[in-house]
Amino acid sequence: MDLSVNIAGLRLKNPVIAASGTFGFGREYSEYFDLNKLGGISVKGLTLEPRKGNPPPRIAETPAGILNSVGLQNPGVHAFIEHEIPFIRKYDTAIIANVAANSVEEYCTMVEILSDADIDAIELNVSCPNVKQGCLLFGSTAQGILQVTSAVRKVCKKPLIVKLTPNVTDITEMAKAAEDAGADCVSLINTLLGMAIDIDSKKPVLANITGGLSGPAVKPVAVRMVYQVANSVKIPVIGMGGICNADDAIEFLLAGAQAIMVGTAGFVNPNVWVEVKEGIELYMENHGFRSVQEINEALIV
């Protein structure tokens, strides 16, 4: 059996990637499991300058996941290159830099900087719902995705992944726009926009009022969107959204995702990435699959 996958020139030894936003830069989780077992790490969303994020409270548990409004807290791209890349490079895993910005020019500046850094791919975050400028502003329309992706493509020297938001009317239109603009791959879904209210205080639970919903609740929506996108574009698809175990991950692979990302489940089970990888391997053995690509082609509809 061969668990390796090739995502538009980005070779992963297995299809399991730590999703951006929930994994930080891997330091905390390295105390729980061997990061060498990961196919890749999509690091915490990066901005040009350090960012403190939104005021608390900014995390709220829901019956089947969490709402978050962290607001892209991060040390900035230069600190990432200086301090975090050397740490992650200790491990045999791909480094995917997740990039967020407030303008097309800022996206391009960051991608130029990261193109010369020791990373393996860039994930263009045009889908974070927790910042007032940029990101979702670009990702919520096909024209916005086309604009920012086209500009970034001209300066990007690494495989370019565009991360799509589910908060749109037609996800396939957004994926096609990314493909037309030169993206090498799309990843989806980012969080669904949600809200929670404390009925005693009669106030929103989150200081930012709304936040991004992730966890098991979003998985059926994510599987549906991945399936639609995989059948509408020719570029590879990375699937995510509510994956908590190997069975969940295999659903995404059957839906057409060449790789998967796991995020929120790690808050409950820090070993989830290893369990997912081992579970995919067992599934392949039990069903006679020799490669992940064979799983992608096995769905009966």
Protein backbone atom coordinates (compact mmCIF):
# COMPACT_ATOMS: atom_id res chain seq x y z
CA MET A 1 0.00 0.00 0.00
CA ASP A 2 1.15 3.52 -0.81
CA LEU A 3 -0.24 6.29 1.38
CA SER A 4 1.72 9.04 -0.37
CA VAL A 5 -0.10 11.70 -2.39
CA ASN A 6 1.06 14.36 -4.81
CA ILE A 7 -0.88 17.61 -4.54
CA ALA A 8 0.14 19.70 -7.55
CA GLY A 9 3.84 19.13 -6.95
CA LEU A 10 3.56 18.98 -3.17
CA ARG A 11 4.44 15.42 -2.18
CA LEU A 12 3.03 14.20 1.14
CA LYS A 13 4.03 10.83 2.61
CA ASN A 14 0.41 10.40 3.72
CA PRO A 15 -2.79 12.41 3.16
CA VAL A 16 -3.22 13.62 6.77
CA ILE A 17 -2.51 17.32 7.35
CA ALA A 18 -2.92 19.36 10.54
CA ALA A 19 -5.40 22.13 9.69
CA SER A 20 -4.48 25.78 10.07
CA GLY A 21 -5.70 27.64 13.13
CA THR A 22 -6.00 24.76 15.57
CA PHE A 23 -2.46 23.39 15.49
CA GLY A 24 -0.43 26.54 16.05
CA PHE A 25 3.06 25.80 14.78
CA GLY A 26 3.11 22.30 16.19
CA ARG A 27 5.09 22.98 19.36
CA GLU A 28 2.31 22.06 21.80
CA TYR A 29 1.21 18.93 19.94
CA SER A 30 4.80 17.72 19.60
CA GLU A 31 4.57 16.88 23.31
CA TYR A 32 1.69 14.46 22.58
CA PHE A 33 2.78 12.64 19.43
CA ASP A 34 5.59 12.38 16.89
CA LEU A 35 5.06 15.06 14.24
CA ASN A 36 7.00 12.89 11.80
CA LYS A 37 3.78 10.90 11.39
CA LEU A 38 2.00 13.83 9.74
CA GLY A 39 1.79 14.27 5.99
CA GLY A 40 1.90 18.03 6.51
CA ILE A 41 1.20 20.97 8.79
CA SER A 42 -0.79 23.99 7.70
CA VAL A 43 0.43 26.53 10.21
CA LYS A 44 -1.51 29.17 12.11
CA GLY A 45 -2.82 31.87 9.78
CA LEU A 46 -0.07 34.43 9.18
CA THR A 47 -0.30 38.17 8.64
CA LEU A 48 2.40 40.62 7.55
CA GLU A 49 2.71 42.15 11.02
CA PRO A 50 2.09 40.53 14.44
CA ARG A 51 -1.58 40.42 15.36
CA LYS A 52 -3.17 40.17 18.82
CA GLY A 53 -6.49 38.91 17.50
CA ASN A 54 -9.98 39.66 18.78
CA PRO A 55 -10.85 40.44 22.42
CA PRO A 56 -12.12 37.59 24.63
CA PRO A 57 -14.30 35.69 25.01
CA ARG A 58 -13.45 34.25 21.64
CA ILE A 59 -14.09 30.51 22.00
CA ALA A 60 -17.46 28.96 22.79
CA GLU A 61 -18.31 25.26 22.90
CA THR A 62 -21.41 24.12 21.02
CA PRO A 63 -23.24 20.76 21.23
CA ALA A 64 -21.28 19.42 18.26
CA GLY A 65 -18.18 21.58 17.91
CA ILE A 66 -16.93 25.06 18.76
CA LEU A 67 -17.47 28.65 17.74
CA ASN A 68 -14.25 30.62 17.47
CA SER A 69 -13.52 34.25 16.92
CA VAL A 70 -9.77 34.28 17.58
CA GLY A 71 -9.17 36.79 14.82
CA LEU A 72 -5.89 35.49 13.39
CA GLN A 73 -3.68 36.01 16.42
CA ASN A 74 -0.12 35.30 15.21
CA PRO A 75 3.47 36.56 15.53
CA GLY A 76 3.73 37.83 11.96
CA VAL A 77 5.41 36.36 8.90
CA HIS A 78 8.98 37.40 9.77
CA ALA A 79 8.85 35.86 13.26
CA PHE A 80 7.40 32.71 11.69
CA ILE A 81 10.32 32.43 9.30
CA GLU A 82 12.92 33.14 12.00
CA HIS A 83 11.55 31.09 14.90
CA GLU A 84 8.94 28.58 13.76
CA ILE A 85 10.25 27.15 10.49
CA PRO A 86 13.49 25.88 12.12
CA PHE A 87 11.40 24.06 14.73
CA ILE A 88 9.07 22.40 12.22
CA ARG A 89 12.00 21.47 9.96
CA LYS A 90 13.20 19.10 12.67
CA TYR A 91 10.42 16.82 11.49
CA ASP A 92 9.85 15.00 8.21
CA THR A 93 6.59 16.72 7.32
CA ALA A 94 5.54 19.30 4.73
CA ILE A 95 5.17 22.92 5.84
CA ILE A 96 2.19 24.79 4.42
CA ALA A 97 2.10 28.52 5.20
CA ASN A 98 -1.45 29.86 5.61
CA VAL A 99 -1.58 33.50 4.55
CA ALA A 100 -4.18 36.16 5.41
CA ALA A 101 -4.20 39.84 4.48
CA ASN A 102 -6.33 42.97 4.19
CA SER A 103 -5.50 43.85 0.59
CA VAL A 104 -4.32 42.27 -2.64
CA GLU A 105 -1.03 44.12 -2.30
CA GLU A 106 -0.50 42.74 1.20
CA TYR A 107 -1.25 39.19 0.05
CA CYS A 108 1.34 39.57 -2.71
CA THR A 109 3.97 41.00 -0.36
CA MET A 110 3.55 38.10 2.05
CA VAL A 111 3.61 35.47 -0.69
CA GLU A 112 6.78 37.00 -2.15
CA ILE A 113 8.45 36.79 1.26
CA LEU A 114 7.30 33.22 1.87
CA SER A 115 8.23 32.07 -1.64
CA ASP A 116 11.87 32.53 -0.66
CA ALA A 117 11.43 30.84 2.73
CA ASP A 118 11.97 27.17 3.57
CA ILE A 119 8.35 26.06 3.20
CA ASP A 120 6.66 23.61 0.85
CA ALA A 121 3.40 25.32 -0.15
CA ILE A 122 1.25 28.38 0.47
CA GLU A 123 -2.41 28.22 1.49
CA LEU A 124 -4.18 31.44 0.57
CA ASN A 125 -6.72 32.19 3.30
CA VAL A 126 -9.56 34.07 1.61
CA SER A 127 -12.16 32.59 3.93
CA CYS A 128 -11.63 33.54 7.59
CA PRO A 129 -14.95 34.93 8.91
CA ASN A 130 -13.48 36.51 12.05
CA VAL A 131 -11.72 39.60 10.72
CA LYS A 132 -13.42 42.79 9.58
CA GLN A 133 -11.25 43.34 6.48
CA GLY A 134 -9.73 41.08 3.83
CA CYS A 135 -10.11 37.28 3.82
CA LEU A 136 -13.86 36.67 3.58
CA LEU A 137 -14.21 39.97 1.71
CA PHE A 138 -12.25 38.36 -1.13
CA GLY A 139 -13.46 34.80 -0.68
CA SER A 140 -17.20 35.44 -0.73
CA THR A 141 -17.36 36.26 -4.46
CA ALA A 142 -15.88 34.59 -7.52
CA GLN A 143 -14.57 37.96 -8.70
CA GLY A 144 -12.79 38.52 -5.40
CA ILE A 145 -11.14 35.10 -5.53
CA LEU A 146 -10.16 35.65 -9.15
CA GLN A 147 -8.64 39.05 -8.31
CA VAL A 148 -6.49 38.03 -5.37
CA THR A 149 -5.47 34.62 -6.71
CA SER A 150 -4.43 36.03 -10.10
CA ALA A 151 -2.26 38.67 -8.44
CA VAL A 152 -0.67 36.19 -6.02
CA ARG A 153 -0.04 33.63 -8.77
CA LYS A 154 2.32 36.07 -10.50
CA VAL A 155 4.67 36.20 -7.50
CA CYS A 156 4.18 32.76 -5.96
CA LYS A 157 7.03 30.29 -6.46
CA LYS A 158 5.46 27.53 -4.37
CA PRO A 159 2.42 25.28 -4.93
CA LEU A 160 -0.58 27.56 -4.31
CA ILE A 161 -3.62 26.31 -2.41
CA VAL A 162 -6.72 28.52 -2.11
CA LYS A 163 -8.82 27.89 1.01
CA LEU A 164 -12.52 28.34 0.30
CA THR A 165 -15.32 29.51 2.56
CA PRO A 166 -18.63 27.62 2.79
CA ASN A 167 -20.45 30.90 3.39
CA VAL A 168 -21.39 31.33 -0.27
CA THR A 169 -24.30 30.39 -2.52
CA ASP A 170 -22.35 28.19 -4.97
CA ILE A 171 -19.07 26.63 -3.83
CA THR A 172 -18.28 25.29 -7.32
CA GLU A 173 -18.29 28.82 -8.74
CA MET A 174 -15.66 29.82 -6.18
CA ALA A 175 -13.52 26.76 -6.87
CA LYS A 176 -13.64 27.36 -10.62
CA ALA A 177 -12.59 30.98 -10.07
CA ALA A 178 -9.55 29.82 -8.08
CA GLU A 179 -8.70 27.29 -10.80
CA ASP A 180 -9.08 29.87 -13.57
CA ALA A 181 -6.82 32.26 -11.68
CA GLY A 182 -4.01 29.73 -11.50
CA ALA A 183 -4.44 27.98 -8.16
CA ASP A 184 -2.72 24.60 -7.99
CA CYS A 185 -5.22 23.24 -5.47
CA VAL A 186 -8.25 24.24 -3.38
CA SER A 187 -8.88 23.37 0.26
CA LEU A 188 -12.31 23.39 1.88
CA ILE A 189 -14.23 24.06 3.96
CA ASN A 190 -13.31 26.83 6.34
CA THR A 191 -15.72 27.49 9.19
CA LEU A 192 -19.43 28.24 8.86
CA LEU A 193 -20.48 31.59 10.27
CA GLY A 194 -22.43 31.13 13.51
CA MET A 195 -23.56 32.82 16.72
CA ALA A 196 -24.45 31.92 20.30
CA ILE A 197 -26.38 33.98 22.89
CA ASP A 198 -26.24 33.73 26.68
CA ILE A 199 -29.93 33.77 27.63
CA ASP A 200 -29.23 34.93 31.21
CA SER A 201 -27.06 37.93 30.37
CA LYS A 202 -28.96 38.39 27.09
CA LYS A 203 -25.64 39.05 25.35
CA PRO A 204 -23.74 37.28 22.59
CA VAL A 205 -21.36 34.68 24.01
CA LEU A 206 -18.50 35.87 21.79
CA ALA A 207 -17.14 39.41 22.12
CA ASN A 208 -17.06 39.61 18.32
CA ILE A 209 -20.78 38.57 18.30
CA THR A 210 -20.33 36.02 15.51
CA GLY A 211 -17.69 33.36 14.99
CA GLY A 212 -16.69 30.40 12.88
CA LEU A 213 -18.38 27.06 13.59
CA SER A 214 -16.17 23.97 13.30
CA GLY A 215 -16.35 20.38 14.51
CA PRO A 216 -18.65 17.41 13.81
CA ALA A 217 -21.68 19.62 13.13
CA VAL A 218 -20.23 20.89 9.84
CA LYS A 219 -19.08 17.54 8.38
CA PRO A 220 -22.12 16.74 6.18
CA VAL A 221 -21.94 20.22 4.67
CA ALA A 222 -18.20 19.83 4.10
CA VAL A 223 -18.48 16.39 2.48
CA ARG A 224 -21.17 17.67 0.13
CA MET A 225 -19.11 20.69 -0.89
CA VAL A 226 -15.93 18.66 -1.40
CA TYR A 227 -17.85 16.23 -3.59
CA GLN A 228 -19.30 19.08 -5.67
CA VAL A 229 -15.93 20.79 -6.07
CA ALA A 230 -14.03 17.58 -6.87
CA ASN A 231 -16.49 17.01 -9.71
CA SER A 232 -16.28 20.54 -11.08
CA VAL A 233 -12.54 21.34 -11.20
CA LYS A 234 -9.47 19.52 -12.52
CA ILE A 235 -7.07 20.70 -9.81
CA PRO A 236 -6.62 18.67 -6.59
CA VAL A 237 -8.90 19.14 -3.60
CA ILE A 238 -7.97 19.01 0.08
CA GLY A 239 -11.01 18.29 2.26
CA MET A 240 -11.70 19.28 5.84
CA GLY A 241 -14.57 20.04 8.18
CA GLY A 242 -15.58 18.01 11.22
CA ILE A 243 -13.18 15.10 10.74
CA CYS A 244 -12.89 13.30 14.10
CA ASN A 245 -11.71 9.83 13.10
CA ALA A 246 -10.55 7.71 10.18
CA ASP A 247 -14.09 6.94 9.00
CA ASP A 248 -14.76 10.67 8.65
CA ALA A 249 -11.54 11.16 6.71
CA ILE A 250 -12.34 8.25 4.38
CA GLU A 251 -15.70 9.87 3.54
CA PHE A 252 -13.79 12.89 2.24
CA LEU A 253 -11.39 10.71 0.25
CA LEU A 254 -14.35 8.88 -1.32
CA ALA A 255 -15.93 12.27 -2.08
CA GLY A 256 -12.84 13.15 -4.13
CA ALA A 257 -10.40 14.83 -1.75
CA GLN A 258 -6.79 13.81 -2.45
CA ALA A 259 -5.80 14.78 1.10
CA ILE A 260 -7.58 15.82 4.28
CA MET A 261 -7.03 18.27 7.12
CA VAL A 262 -7.98 17.66 10.75
CA GLY A 263 -8.37 20.53 13.19
CA THR A 264 -10.96 20.92 15.94
CA ALA A 265 -10.93 17.22 16.91
CA GLY A 266 -7.38 17.71 18.21
CA PHE A 267 -8.72 19.74 21.13
CA VAL A 268 -10.55 16.65 22.35
CA ASN A 269 -8.07 14.00 21.21
CA PRO A 270 -4.46 15.17 20.66
CA ASN A 271 -3.63 11.85 19.01
CA VAL A 272 -6.39 12.13 16.40
CA TRP A 273 -4.01 12.74 13.47
CA VAL A 274 -2.12 9.51 14.13
CA GLU A 275 -5.36 7.57 14.59
CA VAL A 276 -6.74 8.92 11.32
CA LYS A 277 -3.57 7.99 9.43
CA GLU A 278 -3.52 4.46 10.89
CA GLY A 279 -7.26 4.07 10.26
CA ILE A 280 -6.90 5.00 6.58
CA GLU A 281 -4.11 2.46 6.29
CA LEU A 282 -6.28 -0.26 7.84
CA TYR A 283 -9.20 0.63 5.56
CA MET A 284 -6.97 0.34 2.51
CA GLU A 285 -5.73 -3.04 3.69
CA ASN A 286 -9.25 -4.34 4.38
CA HIS A 287 -10.68 -3.11 1.06
CA GLY A 288 -7.74 -3.95 -1.16
CA PHE A 289 -6.79 -0.38 -2.06
CA ARG A 290 -3.16 0.08 -3.09
CA SER A 291 -3.20 3.88 -3.15
CA VAL A 292 -5.19 6.85 -1.91
CA GLN A 293 -6.04 7.65 -5.52
CA GLU A 294 -7.89 4.35 -5.76
CA ILE A 295 -10.11 5.47 -2.87
CA ASN A 296 -10.82 8.72 -4.74
CA GLU A 297 -12.11 6.70 -7.68
CA ALA A 298 -14.17 4.18 -5.73
CA LEU A 299 -17.37 6.10 -4.93
CA ILE A 300 -20.48 4.43 -6.36
CA VAL A 301 -23.25 6.89 -7.27
